Amino acid sequence: MPELPEAEVVAGQIRSRLLGASLGDVWVGRADIVREGFSTVSWYPGASLQSVERFGKSVALGFVKDKHCRYVVAELGMTGLLLFQSTLTKHPQHVHVKMSFEDAREPELRYWNPRRFGRLSLLDRAGLDRYLARRFGLDPLAVSQQDFVKLLQSRRGRLKSLLMHQQVIAGIGNIYANEILFRAGLHPHVQVSRLSVARFEKLYQVMSEVLHEAIACGGSSVRDFFAPDGTEGQYKRRHLVYGKAGQACPNHCGGVIRRFQKERSAYFCLRCQSLRSTK
């Protein structure tokens, strides 16, 4: 499932190749792929792409026409991809939206989503603000350390679940939650209320390091993720615990990576991530 780093990679590639281009035709293969705003599809042809932003795990394309601005927000969901026309697509029947561009480095951007857990939303500015307010909490790459610590101090529950709660912290999913917590030496199930300020500050630093490193590596191509140009993310080669149950701990502590499966799998080393390590 694409998470924050993958969405950032997608936004960056689209920004570098399509920003400023004029939108030609918009083809929608099935109406139910548009969560809201389907009746406004006809507005978009002739508009200019003026912004590409990431919000959580979603990518928002901002179009301007006649001094009015509207957005196409793509939820990447479990299997959603935004792909350039030049990228070979397996199962092309799952391309549900095509946007053609004029005078651009790429002639077409496609929304491919076989399982359709994600959708597109066509919104004006007020609609985008409402969309963001109900879906996303603080952005882990934009929030300050002070505000991050205050946020965690105000919450209760298990740490891993909190990191993955999109209305609290937007963009971190199961892959990066596991990798961040291992590097920070924190057990996935530790109660947030038991952690010291020093632990929160360490978590903030590790979170920033892991997410920036993953973006620089093009994200993690686990199962279905590809960037718009078809390249695979290489950060999966740097995963220390995700998907490595039964393997020796990379910290050489003598422990073994365990997997606890409930709603989402937690991978951790009990020696390096003790529930007692809270200070």
C-alpha atoms as a PDB file:
ATOM      1  CA  MET A   1       0.000   0.000   0.000  1.00  0.00           C
ATOM      2  CA  PRO A   2       1.492   3.368  -0.956  1.00  0.00           C
ATOM      3  CA  GLU A   3       2.281   5.508   2.067  1.00  0.00           C
ATOM      4  CA  LEU A   4       3.673   9.012   2.510  1.00  0.00           C
ATOM      5  CA  PRO A   5       7.057   8.438   0.809  1.00  0.00           C
ATOM      6  CA  GLU A   6       5.450   6.803  -2.213  1.00  0.00           C
ATOM      7  CA  ALA A   7       2.861   9.588  -2.519  1.00  0.00           C
ATOM      8  CA  GLU A   8       5.669  12.154  -2.286  1.00  0.00           C
ATOM      9  CA  VAL A   9       7.564  10.412  -5.091  1.00  0.00           C
ATOM     10  CA  VAL A  10       4.420  10.383  -7.237  1.00  0.00           C
ATOM     11  CA  ALA A  11       3.789  14.081  -6.614  1.00  0.00           C
ATOM     12  CA  GLY A  12       7.405  14.949  -7.406  1.00  0.00           C
ATOM     13  CA  GLN A  13       7.447  13.143 -10.743  1.00  0.00           C
ATOM     14  CA  ILE A  14       4.145  14.656 -11.853  1.00  0.00           C
ATOM     15  CA  ARG A  15       5.308  18.100 -10.765  1.00  0.00           C
ATOM     16  CA  SER A  16       8.536  17.839 -12.735  1.00  0.00           C
ATOM     17  CA  ARG A  17       6.904  16.636 -15.956  1.00  0.00           C
ATOM     18  CA  LEU A  18       3.433  18.133 -16.106  1.00  0.00           C
ATOM     19  CA  LEU A  19       3.414  21.373 -14.101  1.00  0.00           C
ATOM     20  CA  GLY A  20       2.227  24.258 -16.270  1.00  0.00           C
ATOM     21  CA  ALA A  21       0.793  22.001 -18.974  1.00  0.00           C
ATOM     22  CA  SER A  22      -2.740  22.406 -20.299  1.00  0.00           C
ATOM     23  CA  LEU A  23      -5.224  19.620 -19.783  1.00  0.00           C
ATOM     24  CA  GLY A  24      -6.811  18.330 -22.952  1.00  0.00           C
ATOM     25  CA  ASP A  25      -9.345  15.542 -22.744  1.00  0.00           C
ATOM     26  CA  VAL A  26     -10.469  13.755 -19.574  1.00  0.00           C
ATOM     27  CA  TRP A  27     -11.774  10.218 -19.950  1.00  0.00           C
ATOM     28  CA  VAL A  28     -13.512   8.474 -17.055  1.00  0.00           C
ATOM     29  CA  GLY A  29     -14.120   4.777 -17.632  1.00  0.00           C
ATOM     30  CA  ARG A  30     -16.459   4.234 -14.709  1.00  0.00           C
ATOM     31  CA  ALA A  31     -18.349   6.865 -12.773  1.00  0.00           C
ATOM     32  CA  ASP A  32     -17.968   5.150  -9.392  1.00  0.00           C
ATOM     33  CA  ILE A  33     -14.205   5.771  -9.433  1.00  0.00           C
ATOM     34  CA  VAL A  34     -15.038   9.443  -8.730  1.00  0.00           C
ATOM     35  CA  ARG A  35     -15.993   9.791  -5.066  1.00  0.00           C
ATOM     36  CA  GLU A  36     -17.416  13.293  -5.446  1.00  0.00           C
ATOM     37  CA  GLY A  37     -17.641  15.968  -8.097  1.00  0.00           C
ATOM     38  CA  PHE A  38     -18.326  13.763 -11.123  1.00  0.00           C
ATOM     39  CA  SER A  39     -20.673  16.373 -12.569  1.00  0.00           C
ATOM     40  CA  THR A  40     -17.732  18.807 -12.856  1.00  0.00           C
ATOM     41  CA  VAL A  41     -15.586  16.639 -15.164  1.00  0.00           C
ATOM     42  CA  SER A  42     -16.443  18.870 -18.131  1.00  0.00           C
ATOM     43  CA  TRP A  43     -14.846  21.902 -16.399  1.00  0.00           C
ATOM     44  CA  TYR A  44     -11.302  20.495 -16.476  1.00  0.00           C
ATOM     45  CA  PRO A  45     -10.401  20.380 -20.213  1.00  0.00           C
ATOM     46  CA  GLY A  46      -8.500  23.555 -21.082  1.00  0.00           C
ATOM     47  CA  ALA A  47      -7.348  24.170 -17.517  1.00  0.00           C
ATOM     48  CA  SER A  48      -3.657  24.537 -16.635  1.00  0.00           C
ATOM     49  CA  LEU A  49      -1.964  22.363 -14.034  1.00  0.00           C
ATOM     50  CA  GLN A  50      -0.589  24.877 -11.526  1.00  0.00           C
ATOM     51  CA  SER A  51       0.146  22.805  -8.428  1.00  0.00           C
ATOM     52  CA  VAL A  52       0.872  19.233  -7.365  1.00  0.00           C
ATOM     53  CA  GLU A  53       0.731  18.587  -3.634  1.00  0.00           C
ATOM     54  CA  ARG A  54       0.800  15.598  -1.334  1.00  0.00           C
ATOM     55  CA  PHE A  55      -1.600  15.342   1.565  1.00  0.00           C
ATOM     56  CA  GLY A  56      -1.078  12.243   3.680  1.00  0.00           C
ATOM     57  CA  LYS A  57      -1.135   9.351   1.201  1.00  0.00           C
ATOM     58  CA  SER A  58      -3.076  11.320  -1.442  1.00  0.00           C
ATOM     59  CA  VAL A  59      -1.940  13.526  -4.331  1.00  0.00           C
ATOM     60  CA  ALA A  60      -3.815  16.707  -5.266  1.00  0.00           C
ATOM     61  CA  LEU A  61      -3.536  18.236  -8.737  1.00  0.00           C
ATOM     62  CA  GLY A  62      -4.522  21.909  -8.801  1.00  0.00           C
ATOM     63  CA  PHE A  63      -5.936  23.258 -12.086  1.00  0.00           C
ATOM     64  CA  VAL A  64      -6.658  26.873 -13.003  1.00  0.00           C
ATOM     65  CA  LYS A  65      -8.993  28.151 -15.725  1.00  0.00           C
ATOM     66  CA  ASP A  66     -10.478  31.627 -16.098  1.00  0.00           C
ATOM     67  CA  LYS A  67      -9.054  32.563 -12.673  1.00  0.00           C
ATOM     68  CA  HIS A  68     -10.934  29.702 -11.040  1.00  0.00           C
ATOM     69  CA  CYS A  69      -9.174  26.785  -9.347  1.00  0.00           C
ATOM     70  CA  ARG A  70     -10.314  23.202  -8.988  1.00  0.00           C
ATOM     71  CA  TYR A  71      -8.557  20.043  -7.848  1.00  0.00           C
ATOM     72  CA  VAL A  72      -8.285  16.391  -8.738  1.00  0.00           C
ATOM     73  CA  VAL A  73      -7.408  14.498  -5.576  1.00  0.00           C
ATOM     74  CA  ALA A  74      -6.176  10.948  -6.112  1.00  0.00           C
ATOM     75  CA  GLU A  75      -6.320   8.478  -3.254  1.00  0.00           C
ATOM     76  CA  LEU A  76      -3.681   5.859  -3.909  1.00  0.00           C
ATOM     77  CA  GLY A  77      -5.441   3.428  -1.568  1.00  0.00           C
ATOM     78  CA  MET A  78      -4.272  -0.182  -1.502  1.00  0.00           C
ATOM     79  CA  THR A  79      -3.421  -0.482  -5.188  1.00  0.00           C
ATOM     80  CA  GLY A  80      -4.007   2.921  -6.785  1.00  0.00           C
ATOM     81  CA  LEU A  81      -1.314   4.280  -9.100  1.00  0.00           C
ATOM     82  CA  LEU A  82      -0.893   7.426 -11.165  1.00  0.00           C
ATOM     83  CA  LEU A  83       1.059   6.410 -14.269  1.00  0.00           C
ATOM     84  CA  PHE A  84       2.390   8.144 -17.351  1.00  0.00           C
ATOM     85  CA  GLN A  85       1.294   6.838 -20.737  1.00  0.00           C
ATOM     86  CA  SER A  86       4.801   5.538 -21.448  1.00  0.00           C
ATOM     87  CA  THR A  87       4.642   3.174 -18.459  1.00  0.00           C
ATOM     88  CA  LEU A  88       3.590  -0.338 -19.405  1.00  0.00           C
ATOM     89  CA  THR A  89       0.511  -1.354 -17.451  1.00  0.00           C
ATOM     90  CA  LYS A  90      -0.419  -4.904 -16.597  1.00  0.00           C
ATOM     91  CA  HIS A  91      -4.169  -5.475 -16.696  1.00  0.00           C
ATOM     92  CA  PRO A  92      -4.936  -2.244 -18.621  1.00  0.00           C
ATOM     93  CA  GLN A  93      -8.648  -2.799 -18.026  1.00  0.00           C
ATOM     94  CA  HIS A  94      -8.030  -1.339 -14.580  1.00  0.00           C
ATOM     95  CA  VAL A  95      -7.106   2.075 -15.996  1.00  0.00           C
ATOM     96  CA  HIS A  96     -10.219   4.001 -14.976  1.00  0.00           C
ATOM     97  CA  VAL A  97      -9.235   7.609 -15.743  1.00  0.00           C
ATOM     98  CA  LYS A  98      -7.054   9.176 -18.443  1.00  0.00           C
ATOM     99  CA  MET A  99      -6.007  12.828 -18.540  1.00  0.00           C
ATOM    100  CA  SER A 100      -4.283  14.031 -21.701  1.00  0.00           C
ATOM    101  CA  PHE A 101      -1.932  17.036 -21.607  1.00  0.00           C
ATOM    102  CA  GLU A 102      -0.715  19.470 -24.236  1.00  0.00           C
ATOM    103  CA  ASP A 103       2.856  20.785 -24.518  1.00  0.00           C
ATOM    104  CA  ALA A 104       4.066  18.522 -21.718  1.00  0.00           C
ATOM    105  CA  ARG A 105       6.919  16.054 -21.269  1.00  0.00           C
ATOM    106  CA  GLU A 106       4.290  13.334 -20.814  1.00  0.00           C
ATOM    107  CA  PRO A 107       1.193  13.276 -23.023  1.00  0.00           C
ATOM    108  CA  GLU A 108      -1.070  11.442 -20.583  1.00  0.00           C
ATOM    109  CA  LEU A 109      -1.581  10.641 -16.897  1.00  0.00           C
ATOM    110  CA  ARG A 110      -3.601   7.575 -15.964  1.00  0.00           C
ATOM    111  CA  TYR A 111      -5.277   6.406 -12.764  1.00  0.00           C
ATOM    112  CA  TRP A 112      -4.905   2.643 -12.405  1.00  0.00           C
ATOM    113  CA  ASN A 113      -6.670   0.923  -9.540  1.00  0.00           C
ATOM    114  CA  PRO A 114      -7.677  -2.746  -9.779  1.00  0.00           C
ATOM    115  CA  ARG A 115      -9.176  -3.109  -6.297  1.00  0.00           C
ATOM    116  CA  ARG A 116     -10.718   0.367  -6.244  1.00  0.00           C
ATOM    117  CA  PHE A 117     -10.198   0.997  -2.534  1.00  0.00           C
ATOM    118  CA  GLY A 118      -9.072   4.494  -3.528  1.00  0.00           C
ATOM    119  CA  ARG A 119     -11.068   7.032  -5.520  1.00  0.00           C
ATOM    120  CA  LEU A 120     -10.707  10.403  -7.222  1.00  0.00           C
ATOM    121  CA  SER A 121     -12.403  13.516  -5.868  1.00  0.00           C
ATOM    122  CA  LEU A 122     -13.041  16.598  -8.027  1.00  0.00           C
ATOM    123  CA  LEU A 123     -13.195  19.583  -5.702  1.00  0.00           C
ATOM    124  CA  ASP A 124     -13.140  23.353  -5.522  1.00  0.00           C
ATOM    125  CA  ARG A 125     -11.011  25.055  -2.844  1.00  0.00           C
ATOM    126  CA  ALA A 126     -13.703  24.919  -0.182  1.00  0.00           C
ATOM    127  CA  GLY A 127     -14.312  21.265  -0.979  1.00  0.00           C
ATOM    128  CA  LEU A 128     -10.586  20.523  -0.717  1.00  0.00           C
ATOM    129  CA  ASP A 129     -10.419  22.224   2.680  1.00  0.00           C
ATOM    130  CA  ARG A 130     -13.300  20.100   3.944  1.00  0.00           C
ATOM    131  CA  TYR A 131     -11.707  16.972   2.463  1.00  0.00           C
ATOM    132  CA  LEU A 132      -8.409  17.653   4.233  1.00  0.00           C
ATOM    133  CA  ALA A 133     -10.041  18.580   7.540  1.00  0.00           C
ATOM    134  CA  ARG A 134     -12.003  15.346   7.839  1.00  0.00           C
ATOM    135  CA  ARG A 135      -9.280  13.015   6.602  1.00  0.00           C
ATOM    136  CA  PHE A 136      -5.848  14.184   7.693  1.00  0.00           C
ATOM    137  CA  GLY A 137      -4.088  15.075  10.909  1.00  0.00           C
ATOM    138  CA  LEU A 138      -0.640  16.627  11.215  1.00  0.00           C
ATOM    139  CA  ASP A 139       1.841  15.984   8.432  1.00  0.00           C
ATOM    140  CA  PRO A 140       4.930  14.210   9.838  1.00  0.00           C
ATOM    141  CA  LEU A 141       7.255  16.104   7.489  1.00  0.00           C
ATOM    142  CA  ALA A 142       5.778  19.503   8.292  1.00  0.00           C
ATOM    143  CA  VAL A 143       5.008  19.333  12.014  1.00  0.00           C
ATOM    144  CA  SER A 144       7.579  20.773  14.431  1.00  0.00           C
ATOM    145  CA  GLN A 145       9.129  18.621  17.136  1.00  0.00           C
ATOM    146  CA  GLN A 146       7.407  20.709  19.795  1.00  0.00           C
ATOM    147  CA  ASP A 147       3.958  20.256  18.261  1.00  0.00           C
ATOM    148  CA  PHE A 148       4.612  16.546  17.689  1.00  0.00           C
ATOM    149  CA  VAL A 149       5.472  16.052  21.363  1.00  0.00           C
ATOM    150  CA  LYS A 150       2.392  18.020  22.455  1.00  0.00           C
ATOM    151  CA  LEU A 151       0.215  15.897  20.202  1.00  0.00           C
ATOM    152  CA  LEU A 152       1.485  12.608  21.630  1.00  0.00           C
ATOM    153  CA  GLN A 153       1.223  13.887  25.191  1.00  0.00           C
ATOM    154  CA  SER A 154      -2.465  14.577  24.594  1.00  0.00           C
ATOM    155  CA  ARG A 155      -3.263  11.090  23.311  1.00  0.00           C
ATOM    156  CA  ARG A 156      -3.851   7.628  24.760  1.00  0.00           C
ATOM    157  CA  GLY A 157      -3.548   4.112  23.340  1.00  0.00           C
ATOM    158  CA  ARG A 158      -0.884   1.987  21.680  1.00  0.00           C
ATOM    159  CA  LEU A 159       1.920   3.832  19.931  1.00  0.00           C
ATOM    160  CA  LYS A 160       1.859   2.011  16.579  1.00  0.00           C
ATOM    161  CA  SER A 161      -1.893   2.443  16.220  1.00  0.00           C
ATOM    162  CA  LEU A 162      -1.501   6.159  16.919  1.00  0.00           C
ATOM    163  CA  LEU A 163       1.245   6.595  14.316  1.00  0.00           C
ATOM    164  CA  MET A 164      -1.044   4.971  11.735  1.00  0.00           C
ATOM    165  CA  HIS A 165      -4.180   6.944  12.680  1.00  0.00           C
ATOM    166  CA  GLN A 166      -4.559   9.173   9.625  1.00  0.00           C
ATOM    167  CA  GLN A 167      -6.730  11.735  11.400  1.00  0.00           C
ATOM    168  CA  VAL A 168      -3.929  12.206  13.952  1.00  0.00           C
ATOM    169  CA  ILE A 169      -0.733  11.817  11.898  1.00  0.00           C
ATOM    170  CA  ALA A 170      -1.272  11.692   8.145  1.00  0.00           C
ATOM    171  CA  GLY A 171       0.691   9.436   5.816  1.00  0.00           C
ATOM    172  CA  ILE A 172       2.349   6.723   7.902  1.00  0.00           C
ATOM    173  CA  GLY A 173       1.144   3.189   7.229  1.00  0.00           C
ATOM    174  CA  ASN A 174       2.191  -0.256   8.367  1.00  0.00           C
ATOM    175  CA  ILE A 175       5.550  -0.437   6.572  1.00  0.00           C
ATOM    176  CA  TYR A 176       6.989   2.789   7.918  1.00  0.00           C
ATOM    177  CA  ALA A 177       5.407   2.500  11.367  1.00  0.00           C
ATOM    178  CA  ASN A 178       7.285  -0.777  11.852  1.00  0.00           C
ATOM    179  CA  GLU A 179      10.563   0.598  10.530  1.00  0.00           C
ATOM    180  CA  ILE A 180      10.346   3.805  12.573  1.00  0.00           C
ATOM    181  CA  LEU A 181       9.529   2.051  15.836  1.00  0.00           C
ATOM    182  CA  PHE A 182      12.348  -0.470  15.444  1.00  0.00           C
ATOM    183  CA  ARG A 183      14.912   2.248  14.824  1.00  0.00           C
ATOM    184  CA  ALA A 184      13.546   4.247  17.758  1.00  0.00           C
ATOM    185  CA  GLY A 185      13.694   1.214  20.048  1.00  0.00           C
ATOM    186  CA  LEU A 186      10.004   1.404  20.926  1.00  0.00           C
ATOM    187  CA  HIS A 187       7.604  -1.524  21.235  1.00  0.00           C
ATOM    188  CA  PRO A 188       4.592  -1.217  18.872  1.00  0.00           C
ATOM    189  CA  HIS A 189       2.158  -1.838  21.722  1.00  0.00           C
ATOM    190  CA  VAL A 190       3.633   0.495  24.325  1.00  0.00           C
ATOM    191  CA  GLN A 191       1.073   2.889  25.777  1.00  0.00           C
ATOM    192  CA  VAL A 192       1.749   6.432  24.595  1.00  0.00           C
ATOM    193  CA  SER A 193       0.975   7.820  28.046  1.00  0.00           C
ATOM    194  CA  ARG A 194       3.953   5.896  29.521  1.00  0.00           C
ATOM    195  CA  LEU A 195       6.577   7.477  27.280  1.00  0.00           C
ATOM    196  CA  SER A 196       8.895  10.283  28.342  1.00  0.00           C
ATOM    197  CA  VAL A 197       9.469  13.525  26.456  1.00  0.00           C
ATOM    198  CA  ALA A 198      12.941  12.242  25.540  1.00  0.00           C
ATOM    199  CA  ARG A 199      11.348   9.209  23.882  1.00  0.00           C
ATOM    200  CA  PHE A 200       8.935  11.407  21.944  1.00  0.00           C
ATOM    201  CA  GLU A 201      11.807  13.572  20.744  1.00  0.00           C
ATOM    202  CA  LYS A 202      13.803  10.526  19.637  1.00  0.00           C
ATOM    203  CA  LEU A 203      10.745   9.169  17.830  1.00  0.00           C
ATOM    204  CA  TYR A 204      10.309  12.489  16.012  1.00  0.00           C
ATOM    205  CA  GLN A 205      13.922  12.478  14.802  1.00  0.00           C
ATOM    206  CA  VAL A 206      13.788   8.856  13.645  1.00  0.00           C
ATOM    207  CA  MET A 207      10.436   9.390  11.912  1.00  0.00           C
ATOM    208  CA  SER A 208      11.865  12.293   9.930  1.00  0.00           C
ATOM    209  CA  GLU A 209      15.019  10.374   9.019  1.00  0.00           C
ATOM    210  CA  VAL A 210      13.168   7.268   7.850  1.00  0.00           C
ATOM    211  CA  LEU A 211      10.610   9.155   5.754  1.00  0.00           C
ATOM    212  CA  HIS A 212      13.195  11.391   4.078  1.00  0.00           C
ATOM    213  CA  GLU A 213      15.476   8.422   3.370  1.00  0.00           C
ATOM    214  CA  ALA A 214      12.579   6.469   1.882  1.00  0.00           C
ATOM    215  CA  ILE A 215      11.637   9.381  -0.387  1.00  0.00           C
ATOM    216  CA  ALA A 216      15.241   9.668  -1.572  1.00  0.00           C
ATOM    217  CA  CYS A 217      15.145   5.946  -2.435  1.00  0.00           C
ATOM    218  CA  GLY A 218      11.938   6.310  -4.445  1.00  0.00           C
ATOM    219  CA  GLY A 219       9.749   4.720  -1.777  1.00  0.00           C
ATOM    220  CA  SER A 220       9.176   1.025  -1.128  1.00  0.00           C
ATOM    221  CA  SER A 221       7.885  -1.155  -3.958  1.00  0.00           C
ATOM    222  CA  VAL A 222       6.150  -3.856  -1.956  1.00  0.00           C
ATOM    223  CA  ARG A 223       3.680  -5.788  -4.116  1.00  0.00           C
ATOM    224  CA  ASP A 224       2.047  -3.133  -6.303  1.00  0.00           C
ATOM    225  CA  PHE A 225       3.742   0.260  -6.051  1.00  0.00           C
ATOM    226  CA  PHE A 226       5.409   1.862  -9.061  1.00  0.00           C
ATOM    227  CA  ALA A 227       6.228   5.513  -9.629  1.00  0.00           C
ATOM    228  CA  PRO A 228       4.474   7.255 -12.558  1.00  0.00           C
ATOM    229  CA  ASP A 229       7.449   6.498 -14.834  1.00  0.00           C
ATOM    230  CA  GLY A 230       7.319   2.805 -13.907  1.00  0.00           C
ATOM    231  CA  THR A 231      10.380   2.718 -11.652  1.00  0.00           C
ATOM    232  CA  GLU A 232      10.355   0.681  -8.455  1.00  0.00           C
ATOM    233  CA  GLY A 233      11.143   2.180  -5.076  1.00  0.00           C
ATOM    234  CA  GLN A 234      14.378   0.835  -3.605  1.00  0.00           C
ATOM    235  CA  TYR A 235      13.808   1.521   0.087  1.00  0.00           C
ATOM    236  CA  LYS A 236      12.520  -2.038   0.512  1.00  0.00           C
ATOM    237  CA  ARG A 237      16.171  -3.075   0.378  1.00  0.00           C
ATOM    238  CA  ARG A 238      16.724  -1.054   3.549  1.00  0.00           C
ATOM    239  CA  HIS A 239      13.816  -2.482   5.515  1.00  0.00           C
ATOM    240  CA  LEU A 240      15.149  -3.810   8.801  1.00  0.00           C
ATOM    241  CA  VAL A 241      12.056  -5.549  10.201  1.00  0.00           C
ATOM    242  CA  TYR A 242       9.057  -5.279   7.875  1.00  0.00           C
ATOM    243  CA  GLY A 243       8.331  -8.694   6.363  1.00  0.00           C
ATOM    244  CA  LYS A 244      11.317 -10.273   8.134  1.00  0.00           C
ATOM    245  CA  ALA A 245       9.642 -12.418  10.802  1.00  0.00           C
ATOM    246  CA  GLY A 246      11.888 -15.255  11.957  1.00  0.00           C
ATOM    247  CA  GLN A 247      15.110 -13.578  10.851  1.00  0.00           C
ATOM    248  CA  ALA A 248      17.885 -12.547  13.214  1.00  0.00           C
ATOM    249  CA  CYS A 249      17.647  -9.008  14.556  1.00  0.00           C
ATOM    250  CA  PRO A 250      19.817  -6.686  12.433  1.00  0.00           C
ATOM    251  CA  ASN A 251      21.096  -5.074  15.636  1.00  0.00           C
ATOM    252  CA  HIS A 252      22.928  -8.360  16.377  1.00  0.00           C
ATOM    253  CA  CYS A 253      21.388  -8.506  19.833  1.00  0.00           C
ATOM    254  CA  GLY A 254      20.782 -12.243  19.578  1.00  0.00           C
ATOM    255  CA  GLY A 255      17.047 -11.778  19.233  1.00  0.00           C
ATOM    256  CA  VAL A 256      14.702 -12.730  16.412  1.00  0.00           C
ATOM    257  CA  ILE A 257      12.211 -10.528  14.560  1.00  0.00           C
ATOM    258  CA  ARG A 258       8.721 -11.440  15.668  1.00  0.00           C
ATOM    259  CA  ARG A 259       5.409 -10.852  13.981  1.00  0.00           C
ATOM    260  CA  PHE A 260       2.258 -10.047  15.861  1.00  0.00           C
ATOM    261  CA  GLN A 261      -0.794 -10.051  13.637  1.00  0.00           C
ATOM    262  CA  LYS A 262      -3.993  -8.333  14.645  1.00  0.00           C
ATOM    263  CA  GLU A 263      -5.499  -5.556  12.513  1.00  0.00           C
ATOM    264  CA  ARG A 264      -2.109  -4.909  10.868  1.00  0.00           C
ATOM    265  CA  SER A 265       1.067  -6.938  11.335  1.00  0.00           C
ATOM    266  CA  ALA A 266       3.628  -5.627  13.793  1.00  0.00           C
ATOM    267  CA  TYR A 267       7.260  -6.640  13.265  1.00  0.00           C
ATOM    268  CA  PHE A 268       9.631  -6.094  16.168  1.00  0.00           C
ATOM    269  CA  CYS A 269      12.523  -7.401  18.223  1.00  0.00           C
ATOM    270  CA  LEU A 270      11.524  -7.959  21.825  1.00  0.00           C
ATOM    271  CA  ARG A 271      15.098  -7.452  23.032  1.00  0.00           C
ATOM    272  CA  CYS A 272      15.560  -4.109  21.289  1.00  0.00           C
ATOM    273  CA  GLN A 273      11.961  -2.937  21.739  1.00  0.00           C
ATOM    274  CA  SER A 274      11.042  -3.902  25.275  1.00  0.00           C
ATOM    275  CA  LEU A 275       7.690  -2.774  26.652  1.00  0.00           C
ATOM    276  CA  ARG A 276       9.638  -1.579  29.672  1.00  0.00           C
ATOM    277  CA  SER A 277      11.713   0.890  27.633  1.00  0.00           C
ATOM    278  CA  THR A 278       9.726   4.059  28.164  1.00  0.00           C
ATOM    279  CA  LYS A 279      12.173   6.589  29.595  1.00  0.00           C
END
